[in-house]
Amino acid sequence: MILLKDVVPAAQNNIDTKFILLEKGRTTLEGQNKMCLALVADETAAVHFQLWGDECNAFEPGDIIYLTNGIFSYQRNNLILRAGKRGKIEKIGEFTMSFVETPNMSEIHWILDPSNSKKYIQEYVISPQSRMFPPIL
């Protein structure tokens, strides 16, 4: 199982991780499918997570979710974690998980590694916290 602080952009469904859903955005329509973006976190980092179709109604803030074969990649210039076509998400608990909201891995600018063109590395932090789900002060 990978910690959120260790996710890097890749075009592979190879992320198995556990996190708590902190906040859900509004549901929108993408063609025939519903989609909503969520802020999720574990004890090491946060990330934007995409829910599709029935997943939008199946999960609520406070749910602890286990992701199998997830993918962390760009979609419309936004870096998001998602189950994708090959992945699976399931609720495994509620409200009993330590978490942090920074760093947000979706708020980091990534570039191709000059020594390995199949790998991304962090170039700089765009924002210390989520711009889509700003903290309530």
N, C-alpha and C. Protein backbone atom coordinates (compact mmCIF):
# COMPACT_ATOMS: atom_id res chain seq x y z
N MET A 1 0.84 -1.17 0.00
CA MET A 1 0.00 0.00 0.00
C MET A 1 0.90 1.25 0.00
N ILE A 2 0.53 2.22 -0.81
CA ILE A 2 1.32 3.44 -0.95
C ILE A 2 0.68 4.56 -0.13
N LEU A 3 1.50 5.41 0.45
CA LEU A 3 1.03 6.60 1.15
C LEU A 3 0.80 7.71 0.13
N LEU A 4 -0.13 8.61 0.39
CA LEU A 4 -0.42 9.68 -0.57
C LEU A 4 0.79 10.57 -0.85
N LYS A 5 1.67 10.78 0.12
CA LYS A 5 2.85 11.61 -0.12
C LYS A 5 3.78 10.99 -1.16
N ASP A 6 3.60 9.71 -1.45
CA ASP A 6 4.47 9.01 -2.39
C ASP A 6 3.86 8.81 -3.77
N VAL A 7 2.64 9.31 -4.01
CA VAL A 7 2.06 9.16 -5.35
C VAL A 7 2.74 10.11 -6.31
N VAL A 8 2.95 9.65 -7.53
CA VAL A 8 3.52 10.46 -8.60
C VAL A 8 2.68 10.23 -9.85
N PRO A 9 2.59 11.23 -10.72
CA PRO A 9 1.81 11.05 -11.95
C PRO A 9 2.37 9.90 -12.78
N ALA A 10 1.46 9.09 -13.30
CA ALA A 10 1.84 7.97 -14.16
C ALA A 10 0.60 7.51 -14.91
N ALA A 11 0.80 6.95 -16.06
CA ALA A 11 -0.30 6.43 -16.85
C ALA A 11 -0.50 4.95 -16.57
N GLN A 12 -0.40 4.57 -15.30
CA GLN A 12 -0.57 3.18 -14.91
C GLN A 12 -1.54 3.09 -13.76
N ASN A 13 -2.35 2.05 -13.78
CA ASN A 13 -3.26 1.76 -12.67
C ASN A 13 -2.52 0.88 -11.66
N ASN A 14 -1.71 1.52 -10.81
CA ASN A 14 -0.90 0.72 -9.89
C ASN A 14 -0.91 1.26 -8.45
N ILE A 15 -1.89 2.11 -8.12
CA ILE A 15 -1.90 2.71 -6.79
C ILE A 15 -2.92 2.01 -5.90
N ASP A 16 -2.42 1.40 -4.86
CA ASP A 16 -3.26 0.83 -3.80
C ASP A 16 -3.03 1.67 -2.56
N THR A 17 -4.09 2.30 -2.04
CA THR A 17 -3.94 3.20 -0.91
C THR A 17 -5.23 3.30 -0.12
N LYS A 18 -5.14 3.91 1.04
CA LYS A 18 -6.29 4.11 1.91
C LYS A 18 -6.32 5.58 2.32
N PHE A 19 -7.51 6.18 2.34
CA PHE A 19 -7.64 7.59 2.71
C PHE A 19 -9.03 7.87 3.26
N ILE A 20 -9.17 9.06 3.84
CA ILE A 20 -10.47 9.52 4.33
C ILE A 20 -10.97 10.62 3.41
N LEU A 21 -12.25 10.58 3.10
CA LEU A 21 -12.87 11.60 2.26
C LEU A 21 -13.20 12.79 3.16
N LEU A 22 -12.60 13.95 2.87
CA LEU A 22 -12.79 15.14 3.69
C LEU A 22 -13.92 16.03 3.21
N GLU A 23 -14.01 16.20 1.90
CA GLU A 23 -14.99 17.12 1.34
C GLU A 23 -15.32 16.72 -0.09
N LYS A 24 -16.59 16.89 -0.47
CA LYS A 24 -17.02 16.61 -1.84
C LYS A 24 -17.50 17.88 -2.50
N GLY A 25 -17.12 18.05 -3.76
CA GLY A 25 -17.62 19.17 -4.54
C GLY A 25 -18.98 18.82 -5.13
N ARG A 26 -19.53 19.75 -5.86
CA ARG A 26 -20.84 19.49 -6.46
C ARG A 26 -20.72 18.48 -7.59
N THR A 27 -21.80 17.78 -7.83
CA THR A 27 -21.85 16.78 -8.89
C THR A 27 -22.16 17.48 -10.21
N THR A 28 -21.40 17.12 -11.25
CA THR A 28 -21.62 17.67 -12.59
C THR A 28 -21.84 16.53 -13.57
N LEU A 29 -22.31 16.86 -14.74
CA LEU A 29 -22.49 15.86 -15.79
C LEU A 29 -21.34 15.94 -16.77
N GLU A 30 -20.73 14.80 -17.05
CA GLU A 30 -19.69 14.67 -18.08
C GLU A 30 -20.27 13.75 -19.14
N GLY A 31 -20.92 14.33 -20.14
CA GLY A 31 -21.63 13.51 -21.12
C GLY A 31 -22.82 12.86 -20.44
N GLN A 32 -22.87 11.54 -20.43
CA GLN A 32 -23.95 10.79 -19.80
C GLN A 32 -23.66 10.45 -18.34
N ASN A 33 -22.43 10.69 -17.90
CA ASN A 33 -22.02 10.27 -16.56
C ASN A 33 -21.95 11.42 -15.57
N LYS A 34 -22.28 11.10 -14.31
CA LYS A 34 -22.08 12.06 -13.23
C LYS A 34 -20.62 12.01 -12.81
N MET A 35 -20.12 13.15 -12.34
CA MET A 35 -18.75 13.22 -11.85
C MET A 35 -18.72 14.23 -10.72
N CYS A 36 -17.93 13.92 -9.69
CA CYS A 36 -17.68 14.92 -8.65
C CYS A 36 -16.25 14.77 -8.16
N LEU A 37 -15.70 15.89 -7.77
CA LEU A 37 -14.34 15.93 -7.27
C LEU A 37 -14.40 15.97 -5.76
N ALA A 38 -13.45 15.31 -5.11
CA ALA A 38 -13.41 15.27 -3.65
C ALA A 38 -12.00 15.57 -3.18
N LEU A 39 -11.90 16.00 -1.94
CA LEU A 39 -10.62 16.16 -1.28
C LEU A 39 -10.47 14.99 -0.33
N VAL A 40 -9.39 14.23 -0.48
CA VAL A 40 -9.13 13.08 0.37
C VAL A 40 -7.74 13.22 0.98
N ALA A 41 -7.49 12.51 2.08
CA ALA A 41 -6.20 12.63 2.75
C ALA A 41 -5.88 11.37 3.55
N ASP A 42 -4.60 11.18 3.81
CA ASP A 42 -4.15 10.19 4.77
C ASP A 42 -3.24 10.91 5.77
N GLU A 43 -2.47 10.18 6.53
CA GLU A 43 -1.64 10.81 7.56
C GLU A 43 -0.41 11.52 6.99
N THR A 44 -0.21 11.45 5.64
CA THR A 44 1.00 12.04 5.05
C THR A 44 0.73 13.17 4.07
N ALA A 45 -0.46 13.21 3.44
CA ALA A 45 -0.74 14.20 2.40
C ALA A 45 -2.22 14.17 2.02
N ALA A 46 -2.60 15.12 1.18
CA ALA A 46 -3.96 15.18 0.63
C ALA A 46 -3.85 15.14 -0.89
N VAL A 47 -4.98 14.92 -1.54
CA VAL A 47 -5.01 14.87 -3.01
C VAL A 47 -6.46 15.06 -3.46
N HIS A 48 -6.65 15.53 -4.68
CA HIS A 48 -7.98 15.60 -5.28
C HIS A 48 -8.31 14.23 -5.84
N PHE A 49 -9.53 13.76 -5.56
CA PHE A 49 -9.96 12.43 -5.99
C PHE A 49 -11.25 12.56 -6.78
N GLN A 50 -11.32 11.86 -7.91
CA GLN A 50 -12.49 11.94 -8.78
C GLN A 50 -13.41 10.75 -8.55
N LEU A 51 -14.69 11.05 -8.35
CA LEU A 51 -15.73 10.02 -8.23
C LEU A 51 -16.58 10.06 -9.49
N TRP A 52 -16.96 8.90 -10.01
CA TRP A 52 -17.76 8.80 -11.23
C TRP A 52 -19.08 8.10 -10.96
N GLY A 53 -20.11 8.49 -11.69
CA GLY A 53 -21.39 7.79 -11.68
C GLY A 53 -21.95 7.60 -10.28
N ASP A 54 -22.30 6.35 -9.96
CA ASP A 54 -22.90 6.02 -8.67
C ASP A 54 -21.97 6.29 -7.50
N GLU A 55 -20.66 6.35 -7.76
CA GLU A 55 -19.70 6.65 -6.68
C GLU A 55 -19.99 8.01 -6.04
N CYS A 56 -20.53 8.95 -6.83
CA CYS A 56 -20.81 10.30 -6.32
C CYS A 56 -21.79 10.26 -5.15
N ASN A 57 -22.74 9.34 -5.20
CA ASN A 57 -23.74 9.23 -4.12
C ASN A 57 -23.36 8.19 -3.08
N ALA A 58 -22.44 7.30 -3.41
CA ALA A 58 -22.10 6.19 -2.51
C ALA A 58 -21.16 6.58 -1.38
N PHE A 59 -20.42 7.69 -1.54
CA PHE A 59 -19.42 8.06 -0.56
C PHE A 59 -19.71 9.46 -0.02
N GLU A 60 -19.46 9.64 1.28
CA GLU A 60 -19.71 10.90 1.96
C GLU A 60 -18.49 11.31 2.79
N PRO A 61 -18.37 12.59 3.14
CA PRO A 61 -17.28 13.01 4.01
C PRO A 61 -17.25 12.17 5.29
N GLY A 62 -16.04 11.78 5.68
CA GLY A 62 -15.86 10.93 6.85
C GLY A 62 -15.67 9.47 6.49
N ASP A 63 -16.01 9.09 5.27
CA ASP A 63 -15.82 7.69 4.84
C ASP A 63 -14.34 7.40 4.65
N ILE A 64 -13.92 6.26 5.13
CA ILE A 64 -12.56 5.78 4.88
C ILE A 64 -12.66 4.83 3.70
N ILE A 65 -11.83 5.09 2.70
CA ILE A 65 -11.94 4.40 1.42
C ILE A 65 -10.63 3.69 1.10
N TYR A 66 -10.75 2.47 0.57
CA TYR A 66 -9.59 1.73 0.09
C TYR A 66 -9.64 1.73 -1.43
N LEU A 67 -8.58 2.21 -2.06
CA LEU A 67 -8.46 2.27 -3.52
C LEU A 67 -7.50 1.18 -3.98
N THR A 68 -7.94 0.39 -4.94
CA THR A 68 -7.11 -0.65 -5.53
C THR A 68 -6.91 -0.33 -7.01
N ASN A 69 -5.69 -0.42 -7.49
CA ASN A 69 -5.35 -0.18 -8.90
C ASN A 69 -5.77 1.20 -9.38
N GLY A 70 -5.54 2.22 -8.54
CA GLY A 70 -5.87 3.59 -8.90
C GLY A 70 -4.82 4.19 -9.81
N ILE A 71 -5.17 5.37 -10.35
CA ILE A 71 -4.27 6.07 -11.26
C ILE A 71 -4.21 7.54 -10.84
N PHE A 72 -3.02 8.12 -10.85
CA PHE A 72 -2.80 9.54 -10.54
C PHE A 72 -2.30 10.18 -11.81
N SER A 73 -3.17 10.94 -12.48
CA SER A 73 -2.79 11.49 -13.77
C SER A 73 -3.54 12.79 -14.04
N TYR A 74 -3.13 13.46 -15.11
CA TYR A 74 -3.76 14.71 -15.52
C TYR A 74 -5.04 14.43 -16.26
N GLN A 75 -6.06 15.23 -15.92
CA GLN A 75 -7.31 15.19 -16.67
C GLN A 75 -7.77 16.64 -16.77
N ARG A 76 -7.81 17.16 -17.99
CA ARG A 76 -8.14 18.56 -18.25
C ARG A 76 -7.27 19.51 -17.42
N ASN A 77 -5.98 19.26 -17.43
CA ASN A 77 -4.98 20.07 -16.74
C ASN A 77 -5.07 20.03 -15.21
N ASN A 78 -5.87 19.12 -14.68
CA ASN A 78 -5.94 18.92 -13.23
C ASN A 78 -5.36 17.56 -12.89
N LEU A 79 -4.49 17.54 -11.93
CA LEU A 79 -3.87 16.30 -11.49
C LEU A 79 -4.76 15.67 -10.42
N ILE A 80 -5.32 14.51 -10.73
CA ILE A 80 -6.26 13.87 -9.81
C ILE A 80 -5.96 12.38 -9.64
N LEU A 81 -6.34 11.89 -8.49
CA LEU A 81 -6.31 10.46 -8.22
C LEU A 81 -7.69 9.93 -8.54
N ARG A 82 -7.77 8.76 -9.14
CA ARG A 82 -9.07 8.18 -9.48
C ARG A 82 -8.93 6.68 -9.63
N ALA A 83 -10.06 6.00 -9.61
CA ALA A 83 -10.04 4.55 -9.78
C ALA A 83 -9.80 4.20 -11.25
N GLY A 84 -10.32 5.00 -12.16
CA GLY A 84 -10.18 4.69 -13.57
C GLY A 84 -11.00 3.46 -13.94
N LYS A 85 -10.78 2.93 -15.11
CA LYS A 85 -11.56 1.78 -15.59
C LYS A 85 -11.15 0.48 -14.92
N ARG A 86 -9.89 0.38 -14.51
CA ARG A 86 -9.39 -0.87 -13.94
C ARG A 86 -9.37 -0.88 -12.41
N GLY A 87 -9.57 0.29 -11.81
CA GLY A 87 -9.47 0.39 -10.36
C GLY A 87 -10.79 0.11 -9.65
N LYS A 88 -10.70 0.07 -8.33
CA LYS A 88 -11.87 -0.22 -7.51
C LYS A 88 -11.76 0.57 -6.20
N ILE A 89 -12.89 1.13 -5.75
CA ILE A 89 -12.91 1.79 -4.45
C ILE A 89 -13.99 1.15 -3.59
N GLU A 90 -13.67 1.04 -2.30
CA GLU A 90 -14.66 0.50 -1.37
C GLU A 90 -14.53 1.19 -0.02
N LYS A 91 -15.68 1.39 0.61
CA LYS A 91 -15.71 1.99 1.94
C LYS A 91 -15.30 0.92 2.95
N ILE A 92 -14.33 1.26 3.81
CA ILE A 92 -13.87 0.29 4.80
C ILE A 92 -14.04 0.79 6.24
N GLY A 93 -14.59 1.99 6.41
CA GLY A 93 -14.79 2.52 7.75
C GLY A 93 -15.29 3.95 7.71
N GLU A 94 -15.39 4.55 8.92
CA GLU A 94 -15.85 5.93 9.03
C GLU A 94 -15.12 6.64 10.16
N PHE A 95 -14.70 7.87 9.91
CA PHE A 95 -14.28 8.86 10.90
C PHE A 95 -13.10 8.52 11.80
N THR A 96 -12.46 7.38 11.66
CA THR A 96 -11.41 7.01 12.61
C THR A 96 -10.05 6.90 11.93
N MET A 97 -9.62 7.99 11.33
CA MET A 97 -8.35 7.98 10.63
C MET A 97 -7.65 9.32 10.80
N SER A 98 -6.39 9.29 11.17
CA SER A 98 -5.60 10.51 11.24
C SER A 98 -5.31 10.99 9.82
N PHE A 99 -5.25 12.32 9.65
CA PHE A 99 -4.96 12.86 8.32
C PHE A 99 -4.34 14.23 8.43
N VAL A 100 -3.72 14.66 7.33
CA VAL A 100 -3.21 16.02 7.17
C VAL A 100 -3.75 16.56 5.85
N GLU A 101 -3.87 17.87 5.75
CA GLU A 101 -4.37 18.47 4.51
C GLU A 101 -3.26 19.06 3.65
N THR A 102 -2.04 19.09 4.17
CA THR A 102 -0.91 19.57 3.38
C THR A 102 0.25 18.60 3.54
N PRO A 103 1.02 18.37 2.54
CA PRO A 103 0.89 18.95 1.20
C PRO A 103 -0.26 18.32 0.43
N ASN A 104 -0.77 19.05 -0.54
CA ASN A 104 -1.77 18.50 -1.45
C ASN A 104 -1.02 18.11 -2.72
N MET A 105 -0.98 16.82 -3.00
CA MET A 105 -0.20 16.31 -4.14
C MET A 105 -0.75 16.79 -5.49
N SER A 106 -2.02 17.21 -5.52
CA SER A 106 -2.59 17.76 -6.75
C SER A 106 -2.17 19.20 -6.98
N GLU A 107 -1.58 19.83 -5.97
CA GLU A 107 -1.17 21.23 -6.06
C GLU A 107 0.35 21.36 -6.23
N ILE A 108 0.94 20.36 -6.81
CA ILE A 108 2.38 20.37 -7.10
C ILE A 108 2.55 20.35 -8.61
N HIS A 109 3.48 21.14 -9.11
CA HIS A 109 3.80 21.12 -10.54
C HIS A 109 4.85 20.05 -10.76
N TRP A 110 4.52 19.10 -11.60
CA TRP A 110 5.41 17.96 -11.89
C TRP A 110 6.01 18.12 -13.27
N ILE A 111 7.25 17.67 -13.44
CA ILE A 111 7.90 17.67 -14.75
C ILE A 111 8.51 16.30 -14.99
N LEU A 112 8.78 16.00 -16.26
CA LEU A 112 9.45 14.74 -16.57
C LEU A 112 10.87 14.76 -16.03
N ASP A 113 11.26 13.66 -15.45
CA ASP A 113 12.61 13.51 -14.91
C ASP A 113 13.60 13.54 -16.07
N PRO A 114 14.58 14.46 -16.07
CA PRO A 114 15.55 14.54 -17.17
C PRO A 114 16.36 13.25 -17.34
N SER A 115 16.51 12.49 -16.28
CA SER A 115 17.30 11.25 -16.38
C SER A 115 16.44 10.02 -16.67
N ASN A 116 15.09 10.19 -16.65
CA ASN A 116 14.20 9.05 -16.93
C ASN A 116 12.89 9.60 -17.47
N SER A 117 12.71 9.58 -18.78
CA SER A 117 11.55 10.20 -19.42
C SER A 117 10.24 9.48 -19.13
N LYS A 118 10.28 8.38 -18.40
CA LYS A 118 9.05 7.66 -18.04
C LYS A 118 8.60 7.97 -16.62
N LYS A 119 9.28 8.93 -15.98
CA LYS A 119 9.03 9.23 -14.58
C LYS A 119 8.87 10.74 -14.39
N TYR A 120 7.97 11.14 -13.48
CA TYR A 120 7.79 12.54 -13.13
C TYR A 120 8.47 12.85 -11.80
N ILE A 121 8.92 14.11 -11.67
CA ILE A 121 9.47 14.58 -10.40
C ILE A 121 8.82 15.92 -10.06
N GLN A 122 8.83 16.28 -8.78
CA GLN A 122 8.24 17.54 -8.34
C GLN A 122 9.15 18.70 -8.74
N GLU A 123 8.55 19.73 -9.39
CA GLU A 123 9.32 20.92 -9.73
C GLU A 123 9.10 22.02 -8.69
N TYR A 124 7.84 22.32 -8.38
CA TYR A 124 7.55 23.31 -7.36
C TYR A 124 6.12 23.13 -6.86
N VAL A 125 5.83 23.74 -5.71
CA VAL A 125 4.50 23.69 -5.12
C VAL A 125 3.68 24.86 -5.67
N ILE A 126 2.53 24.55 -6.25
CA ILE A 126 1.63 25.57 -6.79
C ILE A 126 0.94 26.29 -5.63
N SER A 127 0.40 25.50 -4.70
CA SER A 127 -0.30 26.04 -3.54
C SER A 127 -0.09 25.08 -2.37
N PRO A 128 0.13 25.59 -1.16
CA PRO A 128 0.35 24.70 -0.02
C PRO A 128 -0.89 23.88 0.36
N GLN A 129 -2.09 24.36 0.00
CA GLN A 129 -3.31 23.59 0.25
C GLN A 129 -4.17 23.59 -1.00
N SER A 130 -5.27 22.88 -0.94
CA SER A 130 -6.15 22.76 -2.09
C SER A 130 -6.75 24.11 -2.48
N ARG A 131 -6.65 24.46 -3.75
CA ARG A 131 -7.32 25.67 -4.25
C ARG A 131 -8.78 25.37 -4.56
N MET A 132 -9.13 24.12 -4.80
CA MET A 132 -10.52 23.75 -5.08
C MET A 132 -11.34 23.61 -3.80
N PHE A 133 -10.68 23.23 -2.71
CA PHE A 133 -11.32 23.09 -1.41
C PHE A 133 -10.52 23.88 -0.39
N PRO A 134 -10.60 25.22 -0.44
CA PRO A 134 -9.79 26.03 0.47
C PRO A 134 -10.16 25.77 1.92
N PRO A 135 -9.17 25.85 2.82
CA PRO A 135 -9.45 25.62 4.23
C PRO A 135 -10.37 26.71 4.81
N ILE A 136 -11.19 26.30 5.75
CA ILE A 136 -12.06 27.24 6.43
C ILE A 136 -11.29 27.81 7.61
N LEU A 137 -11.14 29.11 7.65
CA LEU A 137 -10.37 29.73 8.73
C LEU A 137 -11.25 30.29 9.81
